[in-house]
Amino acid sequence: MTSVSPSFNLADLFEIVVDAIPDRTAMIAGEVRLTYRQLDERANRVAHHLLGAGIEPGDFVGIHAWNRAEWVEAMIGCHKARAVPININYRYVEAELRYLYENSGMVAVIAERSFAGATAAIRADFPTLRHVVILEDGATEPAEDTVGYEDALAAASPARGFGARSDDDLYGLYTGGTTGMPKCVLWRGEDIFFAALQAGRGARPKLRTPDELARTVRESAGMTTLGLAPMMHGGGQWSMWNTFYMGNTFLMWTGRAFEADAVMALASREKALSMAVVGDGMGRPLADWLAANPDTYDLSALKAISNGGAPMSAAVRTALEQAGMFVIDSFGASETGAAMRQTGAPGTATRFASSETTTVLDDRLVPVEPGSGDVGRLAVGGHIPLGYHGDDEKTRATFVRDANGRRWVLPGDYAQLDKDGSILLLGRGSATINTGGEKVYPDEVEDALKSHADVFDAVVVGVPDPRFGQAVTALVVLREGTDPGAEAITAHARTRIAGYKTPKRIHFVESIPRTAAGKVDLRAAKARAEELSQSARPGG
């Protein structure tokens, strides 16, 4: 039987929403449209199938697919069965998949047929991976010793009939970071709910009991949110959960590439009220499209654009606001949840609000003095993860306790605390450039470059230099039909940042390497910058 007293468990909370608004549309994904009741029933079938296959509470189950309705069904079904759904990047090659399978110890995987060959090639080396479910995607690749997804669901019950769940049931998210292999951030269900999946409540009071959620969703208007990030990325998952926990409709982008015109056509067709993006990689094309195509589609319903998962530059935020959008710019990471919201006037450097649970700590884990100009590390407390799965060393380095015993997560970002209590993010420590003894934070330089009218996109990295140790180096994508030259861009940047921070070299490129989620691929960008810098040197 279902738990008599629901907890702050992701599946329990979803079932509360379903029972409150069963006939409201929960999800639109391509041609698939499901009410909350229909989505619940299909997720129940997934859960019963997994339990019938011997999946136990705490077992890891991989999901290896592009954005599609079944991604959501499988994820919710895993949580109903108290298993831990694990995101598998659809761009991973065999070596990365081997690492992921070994690190996670996953016992089952739900994969599109196009990826079945990759799974089959290494399955024999991982005896713990004992169950494979195949999602049809039009491919014809054979998949032996597997079961078809729809066959599995057809043979399973659509009813609930599950045992009690717990606040301590796990949520896991593999995050690539900027260096090394991906790490799995493990959260308690209650903690991830309050840290990241209630952002949609805004200033509303925190839920005191799970049952209060029923009243919240009944009172909601049932609006539509367009989620653009891949579901194998935290931004995609958190956008989905936030939408459901507000009783709204999740409109999933199912395209294989980001196309601003197609995105806006979808938003218009489904009357989306808001849109969730990941940084400038999505924000800049949308801002440019809105400026160039004000009357192409009826976007009268679209009022807000929310950002998370990657920084949004002040220039892009301002452009979106000038196009009539209300921009909700949040800072978040797999290790922090949706920790902060942007504050400050349009056109200014992006600052975020500090709070009792979000501050800047020095090396002694003591808050820096507001307005001192001291650089410290961003720290988030309160509802934070348990740590990294299978990596005690990284867990100890990232999740720390101060002298008072309070537990903090240090996601790796340097920051300053202003007099008014706002936090100015300077960039990740792993990306900091040491040039001639001075520390330069790439985010600040990128913001300055992107404020130039002719710059479409930019990324800043440190390249080895015999004189300075590292040289501040930029890859810049210009707007079509412009050619301002490196000197003009550097001169413009100097009006916003100190001279030593401006790029020593600017390389003009056709595109910035980005991940599937729209984040800058720093490793690829650094390699490209080093290659171009080497070829530009005399004799290179």
Protein backbone atom coordinates (compact mmCIF):
# COMPACT_ATOMS: atom_id res chain seq x y z
CA MET A 1 0.00 0.00 0.00
CA THR A 2 1.03 3.61 -0.53
CA SER A 3 2.56 5.33 2.48
CA VAL A 4 -0.24 6.47 4.81
CA SER A 5 1.74 9.54 5.87
CA PRO A 6 3.57 10.98 2.84
CA SER A 7 7.04 12.38 3.34
CA PHE A 8 9.16 14.92 1.50
CA ASN A 9 9.97 12.15 -0.93
CA LEU A 10 9.99 12.99 -4.64
CA ALA A 11 7.56 10.18 -5.55
CA ASP A 12 5.22 10.82 -2.61
CA LEU A 13 5.09 14.52 -3.48
CA PHE A 14 4.39 13.78 -7.15
CA GLU A 15 1.51 11.48 -6.17
CA ILE A 16 0.05 14.25 -3.99
CA VAL A 17 0.03 16.51 -7.07
CA VAL A 18 -1.55 13.78 -9.21
CA ASP A 19 -4.37 13.19 -6.72
CA ALA A 20 -5.04 16.94 -6.48
CA ILE A 21 -5.20 17.67 -10.24
CA PRO A 22 -5.44 14.30 -12.07
CA ASP A 23 -6.93 15.64 -15.30
CA ARG A 24 -4.66 18.64 -15.80
CA THR A 25 -2.05 18.27 -18.57
CA ALA A 26 1.25 17.33 -16.96
CA MET A 27 3.56 17.02 -19.93
CA ILE A 28 3.86 17.72 -23.64
CA ALA A 29 6.79 16.09 -25.41
CA GLY A 30 6.62 16.13 -29.20
CA GLU A 31 3.42 14.33 -30.13
CA VAL A 32 2.92 12.95 -26.63
CA ARG A 33 0.49 14.70 -24.28
CA LEU A 34 -0.18 13.21 -20.84
CA THR A 35 -2.41 14.27 -17.99
CA TYR A 36 -1.11 13.90 -14.45
CA ARG A 37 -3.17 10.71 -14.08
CA GLN A 38 -1.82 9.23 -17.31
CA LEU A 39 1.77 10.10 -16.44
CA ASP A 40 1.32 8.60 -12.99
CA GLU A 41 -0.06 5.37 -14.42
CA ARG A 42 2.81 4.96 -16.87
CA ALA A 43 5.35 5.71 -14.15
CA ASN A 44 3.63 3.11 -11.94
CA ARG A 45 4.10 0.55 -14.70
CA VAL A 46 7.81 1.42 -14.90
CA ALA A 47 8.14 1.01 -11.14
CA HIS A 48 6.33 -2.35 -11.06
CA HIS A 49 8.48 -3.64 -13.91
CA LEU A 50 11.69 -2.63 -12.12
CA LEU A 51 10.55 -4.20 -8.86
CA GLY A 52 9.60 -7.35 -10.74
CA ALA A 53 13.10 -7.42 -12.24
CA GLY A 54 14.58 -7.48 -8.75
CA ILE A 55 15.53 -3.82 -8.45
CA GLU A 56 15.84 -2.90 -4.77
CA PRO A 57 15.75 0.41 -2.86
CA GLY A 58 18.97 2.35 -3.42
CA ASP A 59 19.89 0.52 -6.64
CA PHE A 60 21.13 2.74 -9.45
CA VAL A 61 19.22 2.65 -12.76
CA GLY A 62 20.67 4.46 -15.78
CA ILE A 63 18.60 6.40 -18.31
CA HIS A 64 20.37 6.74 -21.66
CA ALA A 65 18.21 8.71 -24.08
CA TRP A 66 17.57 12.01 -25.79
CA ASN A 67 14.74 14.18 -24.48
CA ARG A 68 11.47 12.28 -24.78
CA ALA A 69 8.40 11.55 -22.65
CA GLU A 70 9.79 8.21 -21.54
CA TRP A 71 12.73 9.95 -19.85
CA VAL A 72 10.28 11.54 -17.42
CA GLU A 73 8.22 8.37 -16.99
CA ALA A 74 11.34 6.34 -16.25
CA MET A 75 12.69 8.87 -13.76
CA ILE A 76 9.47 9.09 -11.79
CA GLY A 77 9.07 5.31 -11.98
CA CYS A 78 12.52 4.80 -10.48
CA HIS A 79 11.66 7.05 -7.55
CA LYS A 80 8.38 5.24 -7.03
CA ALA A 81 10.35 1.99 -6.76
CA ARG A 82 12.86 3.75 -4.45
CA ALA A 83 15.62 3.20 -7.02
CA VAL A 84 18.04 5.98 -7.99
CA PRO A 85 17.69 7.16 -11.62
CA ILE A 86 21.07 8.05 -13.10
CA ASN A 87 21.56 10.44 -16.02
CA ILE A 88 23.75 9.13 -18.85
CA ASN A 89 25.09 11.69 -21.29
CA TYR A 90 24.04 10.69 -24.81
CA ARG A 91 27.37 12.03 -26.13
CA TYR A 92 29.49 9.64 -24.08
CA VAL A 93 31.81 7.26 -25.88
CA GLU A 94 32.73 3.77 -24.68
CA ALA A 95 35.52 4.85 -22.29
CA GLU A 96 33.23 7.30 -20.52
CA LEU A 97 30.41 4.77 -20.32
CA ARG A 98 32.78 2.23 -18.80
CA TYR A 99 33.72 4.72 -16.11
CA LEU A 100 30.09 5.58 -15.41
CA TYR A 101 28.98 1.94 -15.17
CA GLU A 102 31.86 1.09 -12.85
CA ASN A 103 31.54 4.17 -10.65
CA SER A 104 27.78 3.87 -10.25
CA GLY A 105 27.47 0.11 -10.02
CA MET A 106 24.14 0.49 -11.82
CA VAL A 107 22.08 -2.67 -11.98
CA ALA A 108 19.78 -1.68 -14.84
CA VAL A 109 19.64 0.73 -17.72
CA ILE A 110 16.78 2.10 -19.81
CA ALA A 111 18.35 3.01 -23.17
CA GLU A 112 17.35 4.00 -26.67
CA ARG A 113 18.06 1.32 -29.25
CA SER A 114 20.64 3.59 -30.91
CA PHE A 115 22.74 3.24 -27.74
CA ALA A 116 22.19 -0.50 -27.35
CA GLY A 117 25.42 -1.35 -29.18
CA ALA A 118 27.49 0.70 -26.75
CA THR A 119 25.85 -1.04 -23.81
CA ALA A 120 26.26 -4.49 -25.35
CA ALA A 121 29.96 -3.88 -26.05
CA ILE A 122 30.79 -3.51 -22.36
CA ARG A 123 27.94 -5.27 -20.58
CA ALA A 124 29.91 -8.48 -20.07
CA ASP A 125 32.50 -6.58 -18.04
CA PHE A 126 29.88 -5.38 -15.56
CA PRO A 127 27.99 -8.34 -14.08
CA THR A 128 26.06 -6.02 -11.77
CA LEU A 129 24.30 -4.61 -14.86
CA ARG A 130 21.72 -7.36 -15.08
CA HIS A 131 18.71 -5.72 -16.73
CA VAL A 132 18.39 -3.65 -19.93
CA VAL A 133 15.17 -2.03 -21.19
CA ILE A 134 15.10 -0.75 -24.77
CA LEU A 135 13.36 2.44 -25.92
CA GLU A 136 12.55 2.35 -29.61
CA ASP A 137 13.90 5.29 -31.59
CA GLY A 138 13.72 4.04 -35.18
CA ALA A 139 17.11 2.35 -35.09
CA THR A 140 17.45 -1.31 -36.10
CA GLU A 141 20.47 -2.23 -34.01
CA PRO A 142 19.99 -5.69 -32.42
CA ALA A 143 19.74 -5.81 -28.64
CA GLU A 144 20.00 -9.27 -27.14
CA ASP A 145 18.90 -10.19 -23.62
CA THR A 146 16.79 -7.06 -23.29
CA VAL A 147 13.12 -6.18 -22.93
CA GLY A 148 11.20 -3.60 -24.90
CA TYR A 149 10.00 -0.58 -22.92
CA GLU A 150 6.41 -0.68 -24.15
CA ASP A 151 6.26 -4.47 -23.70
CA ALA A 152 7.49 -4.04 -20.14
CA LEU A 153 4.86 -1.40 -19.40
CA ALA A 154 2.05 -3.38 -21.01
CA ALA A 155 2.76 -6.33 -18.71
CA ALA A 156 2.89 -4.20 -15.54
CA SER A 157 0.14 -2.74 -13.37
CA PRO A 158 -0.87 0.93 -13.73
CA ALA A 159 -1.94 1.03 -10.08
CA ARG A 160 0.27 2.13 -7.21
CA GLY A 161 0.36 -0.46 -4.46
CA PHE A 162 3.88 0.44 -3.29
CA GLY A 163 5.28 0.32 0.21
CA ALA A 164 6.20 3.28 2.37
CA ARG A 165 8.96 5.57 1.16
CA SER A 166 11.32 7.84 3.06
CA ASP A 167 12.72 11.39 3.16
CA ASP A 168 16.09 9.65 2.98
CA ASP A 169 15.48 7.99 -0.40
CA LEU A 170 18.22 9.12 -2.75
CA TYR A 171 18.43 11.45 -5.72
CA GLY A 172 21.62 11.15 -7.78
CA LEU A 173 22.99 13.45 -10.45
CA TYR A 174 26.18 12.91 -12.45
CA THR A 175 27.90 16.21 -13.11
CA GLY A 176 30.76 16.69 -15.55
CA GLY A 177 32.41 19.68 -13.87
CA THR A 178 35.40 21.32 -15.52
CA THR A 179 38.04 18.65 -14.96
CA GLY A 180 38.21 14.87 -14.68
CA MET A 181 35.50 12.27 -15.03
CA PRO A 182 31.93 12.99 -13.93
CA LYS A 183 31.01 12.78 -10.25
CA CYS A 184 27.68 11.60 -8.86
CA VAL A 185 26.23 14.07 -6.37
CA LEU A 186 23.99 12.23 -3.91
CA TRP A 187 21.11 14.01 -2.19
CA ARG A 188 18.46 12.99 0.30
CA GLY A 189 15.06 13.42 -1.31
CA GLU A 190 13.94 16.02 1.23
CA ASP A 191 17.10 18.06 0.78
CA ILE A 192 16.99 18.23 -3.03
CA PHE A 193 13.29 19.12 -2.84
CA PHE A 194 13.88 22.18 -0.68
CA ALA A 195 17.22 23.12 -2.27
CA ALA A 196 16.23 22.99 -5.94
CA LEU A 197 12.72 21.77 -6.65
CA GLN A 198 10.70 24.50 -4.93
CA ALA A 199 12.22 27.48 -6.74
CA GLY A 200 8.88 28.00 -8.44
CA ARG A 201 7.30 28.96 -5.12
CA GLY A 202 9.29 32.20 -5.12
CA ALA A 203 8.47 34.21 -2.01
CA ARG A 204 5.72 31.84 -0.86
CA PRO A 205 6.23 30.35 2.62
CA LYS A 206 8.15 27.10 2.82
CA LEU A 207 5.92 24.01 2.90
CA ARG A 208 5.54 22.77 6.46
CA THR A 209 4.01 19.41 5.54
CA PRO A 210 3.81 17.44 2.27
CA ASP A 211 0.00 17.62 2.34
CA GLU A 212 0.12 21.43 1.92
CA LEU A 213 1.29 20.79 -1.64
CA ALA A 214 -2.21 19.64 -2.65
CA ARG A 215 -3.71 23.02 -1.82
CA THR A 216 -0.87 24.83 -3.61
CA VAL A 217 -1.36 23.02 -6.92
CA ARG A 218 -5.17 23.22 -6.82
CA GLU A 219 -4.86 26.99 -6.50
CA SER A 220 -2.36 27.27 -9.36
CA ALA A 221 -3.56 28.31 -12.80
CA GLY A 222 -2.02 25.40 -14.68
CA MET A 223 0.44 27.42 -16.75
CA THR A 224 3.00 26.02 -19.20
CA THR A 225 6.78 26.04 -18.77
CA LEU A 226 9.03 25.27 -21.73
CA GLY A 227 12.10 23.35 -20.56
CA LEU A 228 14.98 23.59 -23.05
CA ALA A 229 17.78 21.73 -21.26
CA PRO A 230 18.49 18.03 -21.80
CA MET A 231 16.95 15.75 -19.20
CA MET A 232 20.38 14.20 -18.71
CA HIS A 233 21.38 17.59 -17.24
CA GLY A 234 20.36 18.85 -13.81
CA GLY A 235 18.81 21.94 -15.37
CA GLY A 236 16.38 19.81 -17.37
CA GLN A 237 15.41 17.67 -14.40
CA TRP A 238 14.98 20.57 -12.00
CA SER A 239 12.87 22.49 -14.49
CA MET A 240 10.63 19.44 -14.82
CA TRP A 241 10.23 18.83 -11.08
CA ASN A 242 9.60 22.52 -10.36
CA THR A 243 6.89 22.57 -13.00
CA PHE A 244 5.17 19.49 -11.59
CA TYR A 245 5.38 20.65 -7.98
CA MET A 246 3.61 23.85 -8.99
CA GLY A 247 0.87 21.88 -10.75
CA ASN A 248 1.81 23.30 -14.15
CA THR A 249 2.44 21.77 -17.59
CA PHE A 250 5.98 20.79 -18.55
CA LEU A 251 6.60 21.44 -22.24
CA MET A 252 9.73 19.52 -23.18
CA TRP A 253 12.05 20.56 -25.99
CA THR A 254 12.69 17.35 -27.98
CA GLY A 255 14.85 18.78 -30.76
CA ARG A 256 18.32 17.32 -31.26
CA ALA A 257 19.82 20.81 -31.69
CA PHE A 258 18.99 24.22 -30.25
CA GLU A 259 17.14 26.31 -32.86
CA ALA A 260 15.79 29.65 -31.66
CA ASP A 261 13.09 29.90 -34.33
CA ALA A 262 11.77 26.39 -33.62
CA VAL A 263 11.86 27.07 -29.89
CA MET A 264 9.81 30.22 -30.29
CA ALA A 265 7.37 28.50 -32.64
CA LEU A 266 6.81 25.84 -29.96
CA ALA A 267 6.40 28.45 -27.23
CA SER A 268 3.83 30.25 -29.37
CA ARG A 269 1.90 27.12 -30.31
CA GLU A 270 1.59 25.87 -26.72
CA LYS A 271 1.15 29.32 -25.12
CA ALA A 272 4.13 28.91 -22.81
CA LEU A 273 4.23 31.41 -19.96
CA SER A 274 7.89 30.86 -19.12
CA MET A 275 11.00 29.31 -20.58
CA ALA A 276 13.95 27.71 -18.77
CA VAL A 277 17.39 28.25 -20.37
CA VAL A 278 21.01 27.41 -19.56
CA GLY A 279 23.28 30.46 -19.75
CA ASP A 280 24.33 32.49 -22.77
CA GLY A 281 24.47 29.39 -24.97
CA MET A 282 20.68 29.50 -25.11
CA GLY A 283 20.02 33.04 -23.90
CA ARG A 284 22.03 34.87 -26.58
CA PRO A 285 20.37 33.20 -29.62
CA LEU A 286 16.95 33.79 -28.08
CA ALA A 287 17.72 37.45 -27.34
CA ASP A 288 18.94 38.00 -30.89
CA TRP A 289 15.90 36.22 -32.32
CA LEU A 290 13.50 38.33 -30.24
CA ALA A 291 15.19 41.53 -31.42
CA ALA A 292 15.11 40.52 -35.09
CA ASN A 293 11.69 38.84 -35.21
CA PRO A 294 9.29 40.73 -32.94
CA ASP A 295 6.15 39.85 -34.89
CA THR A 296 6.88 36.39 -36.34
CA TYR A 297 4.84 34.45 -33.77
CA ASP A 298 2.24 35.29 -31.17
CA LEU A 299 4.32 35.33 -27.99
CA SER A 300 1.85 37.32 -25.92
CA ALA A 301 1.69 34.50 -23.35
CA LEU A 302 5.48 34.36 -22.87
CA LYS A 303 6.41 36.58 -19.94
CA ALA A 304 9.49 35.15 -18.23
CA ILE A 305 12.79 33.47 -18.93
CA SER A 306 14.54 31.68 -16.08
CA ASN A 307 18.23 30.88 -16.19
CA GLY A 308 20.20 28.32 -14.24
CA GLY A 309 23.06 25.88 -14.63
CA ALA A 310 25.44 28.31 -16.35
CA PRO A 311 26.17 32.05 -16.03
CA MET A 312 24.17 34.56 -18.03
CA SER A 313 26.14 37.67 -18.93
CA ALA A 314 24.77 41.12 -18.11
CA ALA A 315 24.62 41.91 -21.84
CA VAL A 316 22.36 38.95 -22.58
CA ARG A 317 20.18 39.54 -19.53
CA THR A 318 19.73 43.16 -20.56
CA ALA A 319 18.87 42.20 -24.15
CA LEU A 320 16.19 39.79 -22.97
CA GLU A 321 14.74 42.41 -20.64
CA GLN A 322 14.69 44.96 -23.46
CA ALA A 323 12.73 42.41 -25.51
CA GLY A 324 10.05 42.49 -22.81
CA MET A 325 11.04 39.39 -20.85
CA PHE A 326 11.16 39.19 -17.06
CA VAL A 327 14.46 37.43 -16.41
CA ILE A 328 14.89 35.20 -13.36
CA ASP A 329 18.63 34.55 -13.19
CA SER A 330 19.57 31.95 -10.59
CA PHE A 331 22.90 30.56 -9.50
CA GLY A 332 22.91 26.84 -8.95
CA ALA A 333 25.11 23.80 -9.17
CA SER A 334 24.63 20.08 -8.79
CA GLU A 335 26.17 20.42 -5.33
CA THR A 336 24.15 23.46 -4.16
CA GLY A 337 20.71 23.37 -5.69
CA ALA A 338 19.18 26.69 -6.75
CA ALA A 339 21.18 28.63 -4.17
CA MET A 340 20.73 32.29 -5.15
CA ARG A 341 18.74 34.65 -7.34
CA GLN A 342 20.17 37.56 -9.30
CA THR A 343 19.79 41.03 -7.89
CA GLY A 344 20.73 44.47 -9.17
CA ALA A 345 19.70 46.80 -11.95
CA PRO A 346 19.65 45.75 -15.63
CA GLY A 347 22.96 46.33 -17.36
CA THR A 348 25.04 45.98 -14.21
CA ALA A 349 27.34 43.15 -13.23
CA THR A 350 25.37 40.10 -12.17
CA ARG A 351 25.11 39.91 -8.39
CA PHE A 352 23.21 37.45 -6.26
CA ALA A 353 21.50 37.82 -2.91
CA SER A 354 23.24 36.33 0.12
CA SER A 355 21.25 34.73 2.91
CA GLU A 356 21.58 32.83 6.14
CA THR A 357 22.49 29.75 4.11
CA THR A 358 24.51 31.37 1.30
CA THR A 359 27.61 33.46 1.95
CA VAL A 360 31.33 33.87 1.17
CA LEU A 361 33.88 32.16 3.47
CA ASP A 362 37.61 32.74 3.81
CA ASP A 363 40.23 30.01 4.18
CA ARG A 364 39.34 29.66 7.87
CA LEU A 365 35.68 29.06 6.92
CA VAL A 366 34.74 32.41 8.46
CA PRO A 367 32.49 34.84 6.52
CA VAL A 368 34.45 37.61 4.78
CA GLU A 369 33.77 41.17 5.83
CA PRO A 370 31.08 42.75 3.61
CA GLY A 371 32.53 45.51 1.43
CA SER A 372 36.14 44.61 2.29
CA GLY A 373 36.98 43.52 -1.23
CA ASP A 374 38.35 40.25 0.15
CA VAL A 375 37.98 37.27 -2.14
CA GLY A 376 36.64 34.10 -0.59
CA ARG A 377 34.80 30.99 -1.60
CA LEU A 378 31.08 30.76 -2.18
CA ALA A 379 29.54 28.58 0.53
CA VAL A 380 26.05 27.11 0.77
CA GLY A 381 24.54 25.53 3.88
CA GLY A 382 21.16 24.21 4.92
CA HIS A 383 19.74 21.60 2.57
CA ILE A 384 22.89 20.29 0.83
CA PRO A 385 23.95 16.90 -0.58
CA LEU A 386 25.33 13.93 1.32
CA GLY A 387 28.42 14.02 -0.87
CA TYR A 388 29.88 12.31 -3.94
CA HIS A 389 29.04 8.67 -4.53
CA GLY A 390 32.12 6.49 -4.16
CA ASP A 391 34.56 9.39 -3.62
CA ASP A 392 35.26 10.10 0.04
CA GLU A 393 38.28 12.29 -0.75
CA LYS A 394 36.34 14.72 -2.95
CA THR A 395 33.47 14.67 -0.48
CA ARG A 396 35.76 15.75 2.37
CA ALA A 397 37.27 18.53 0.23
CA THR A 398 33.92 19.93 -0.95
CA PHE A 399 31.63 19.38 2.04
CA VAL A 400 33.18 20.94 5.13
CA ARG A 401 32.34 21.92 8.72
CA ASP A 402 33.26 25.26 10.25
CA ALA A 403 34.46 25.81 13.82
CA ASN A 404 30.85 25.77 15.05
CA GLY A 405 30.16 22.42 13.43
CA ARG A 406 27.97 23.88 10.70
CA ARG A 407 28.15 21.98 7.43
CA TRP A 408 28.82 23.85 4.16
CA VAL A 409 29.34 22.92 0.53
CA LEU A 410 32.08 24.78 -1.36
CA PRO A 411 31.23 24.33 -5.06
CA GLY A 412 34.53 25.88 -6.20
CA ASP A 413 33.48 29.44 -7.03
CA TYR A 414 35.40 32.49 -5.84
CA ALA A 415 33.31 35.46 -4.79
CA GLN A 416 33.20 38.78 -2.98
CA LEU A 417 30.61 40.08 -0.52
CA ASP A 418 29.46 43.66 -1.10
CA LYS A 419 28.40 46.12 1.60
CA ASP A 420 24.75 45.58 0.76
CA GLY A 421 25.13 41.83 1.29
CA SER A 422 25.04 40.92 -2.39
CA ILE A 423 27.48 38.36 -3.75
CA LEU A 424 29.62 39.04 -6.81
CA LEU A 425 30.70 35.77 -8.40
CA LEU A 426 34.20 35.84 -9.86
CA GLY A 427 34.40 32.37 -11.36
CA ARG A 428 35.40 28.83 -10.57
CA GLY A 429 38.71 28.29 -8.84
CA SER A 430 39.75 25.63 -11.34
CA ALA A 431 39.39 28.20 -14.14
CA THR A 432 41.19 31.08 -12.41
CA ILE A 433 44.09 32.50 -14.45
CA ASN A 434 47.35 33.45 -12.71
CA THR A 435 49.06 35.96 -14.96
CA GLY A 436 52.21 37.70 -13.76
CA GLY A 437 51.24 37.02 -10.15
CA GLU A 438 47.75 38.50 -10.54
CA LYS A 439 44.61 36.38 -10.35
CA VAL A 440 42.09 36.92 -13.13
CA TYR A 441 38.60 35.43 -13.00
CA PRO A 442 37.38 34.55 -16.52
CA ASP A 443 33.70 35.30 -15.86
CA GLU A 444 34.49 38.97 -15.25
CA VAL A 445 36.51 39.23 -18.47
CA GLU A 446 33.86 37.41 -20.50
CA ASP A 447 31.21 39.81 -19.24
CA ALA A 448 33.32 42.75 -20.41
CA LEU A 449 33.90 41.24 -23.85
CA LYS A 450 30.24 40.31 -24.35
CA SER A 451 29.18 43.88 -23.62
CA HIS A 452 30.78 44.91 -26.96
CA ALA A 453 28.02 45.32 -29.54
CA ASP A 454 29.82 43.19 -32.14
CA VAL A 455 30.60 40.23 -29.86
CA PHE A 456 28.12 37.37 -30.08
CA ASP A 457 29.88 34.93 -27.74
CA ALA A 458 33.17 34.61 -25.90
CA VAL A 459 35.09 32.38 -23.52
CA VAL A 460 38.27 33.27 -21.63
CA VAL A 461 40.97 30.80 -20.55
CA GLY A 462 44.58 30.83 -19.41
CA VAL A 463 47.21 29.73 -21.92
CA PRO A 464 50.80 28.89 -20.85
CA ASP A 465 53.09 31.88 -21.34
CA PRO A 466 56.89 32.03 -20.76
CA ARG A 467 56.74 35.55 -19.34
CA PHE A 468 53.48 35.72 -17.39
CA GLY A 469 53.00 32.05 -16.49
CA GLN A 470 49.58 32.22 -18.05
CA ALA A 471 48.24 34.66 -20.62
CA VAL A 472 44.61 35.74 -20.54
CA THR A 473 43.29 34.44 -23.85
CA ALA A 474 39.87 34.80 -25.43
CA LEU A 475 37.98 32.91 -28.08
CA VAL A 476 35.49 35.35 -29.60
CA VAL A 477 32.59 34.81 -31.97
CA LEU A 478 31.62 37.99 -33.82
CA ARG A 479 28.18 38.93 -35.00
CA GLU A 480 27.63 38.30 -38.69
CA GLY A 481 28.83 41.15 -40.87
CA THR A 482 31.03 42.79 -38.24
CA ASP A 483 34.82 43.07 -38.03
CA PRO A 484 35.84 45.38 -35.17
CA GLY A 485 39.31 43.92 -34.72
CA ALA A 486 40.98 42.67 -31.57
CA GLU A 487 42.33 46.09 -30.57
CA ALA A 488 38.87 47.68 -30.55
CA ILE A 489 37.42 44.87 -28.44
CA THR A 490 40.33 45.05 -26.00
CA ALA A 491 39.95 48.83 -25.73
CA HIS A 492 36.26 48.41 -24.99
CA ALA A 493 37.01 45.81 -22.31
CA ARG A 494 39.47 48.22 -20.66
CA THR A 495 36.59 50.61 -19.99
CA ARG A 496 35.07 47.94 -17.73
CA ILE A 497 37.98 46.00 -16.21
CA ALA A 498 41.62 46.67 -15.30
CA GLY A 499 44.19 46.44 -18.07
CA TYR A 500 45.93 43.34 -16.69
CA LYS A 501 42.62 41.47 -16.89
CA THR A 502 42.06 42.16 -20.59
CA PRO A 503 43.02 39.42 -23.04
CA LYS A 504 46.64 39.32 -24.18
CA ARG A 505 45.36 37.41 -27.19
CA ILE A 506 41.99 37.29 -28.93
CA HIS A 507 41.29 34.51 -31.40
CA PHE A 508 38.24 34.90 -33.62
CA VAL A 509 36.40 31.59 -34.09
CA GLU A 510 33.17 30.47 -35.70
CA SER A 511 31.74 28.94 -32.52
CA ILE A 512 32.47 28.31 -28.85
CA PRO A 513 32.65 24.63 -27.88
CA ARG A 514 29.68 23.81 -25.67
CA THR A 515 28.23 20.74 -24.00
CA ALA A 516 24.84 19.32 -24.88
CA ALA A 517 23.36 21.36 -22.03
CA GLY A 518 24.68 24.64 -23.46
CA LYS A 519 27.53 25.07 -20.98
CA VAL A 520 30.96 26.05 -22.26
CA ASP A 521 33.18 22.98 -22.70
CA LEU A 522 36.19 24.45 -20.91
CA ARG A 523 38.56 21.62 -21.71
CA ALA A 524 37.82 21.87 -25.42
CA ALA A 525 37.98 25.68 -25.32
CA LYS A 526 41.35 25.65 -23.56
CA ALA A 527 42.77 23.14 -26.02
CA ARG A 528 41.55 25.25 -28.94
CA ALA A 529 42.99 28.45 -27.44
CA GLU A 530 46.37 26.79 -26.86
CA GLU A 531 46.40 25.44 -30.42
CA LEU A 532 45.60 28.85 -31.94
CA SER A 533 48.09 30.63 -29.68
CA GLN A 534 50.83 28.20 -30.63
CA SER A 535 50.20 28.59 -34.37
CA ALA A 536 50.16 32.41 -33.98
CA ARG A 537 53.64 32.52 -32.44
CA PRO A 538 56.62 33.07 -34.76
CA GLY A 539 57.72 29.67 -35.99
CA GLY A 540 54.57 28.07 -34.53
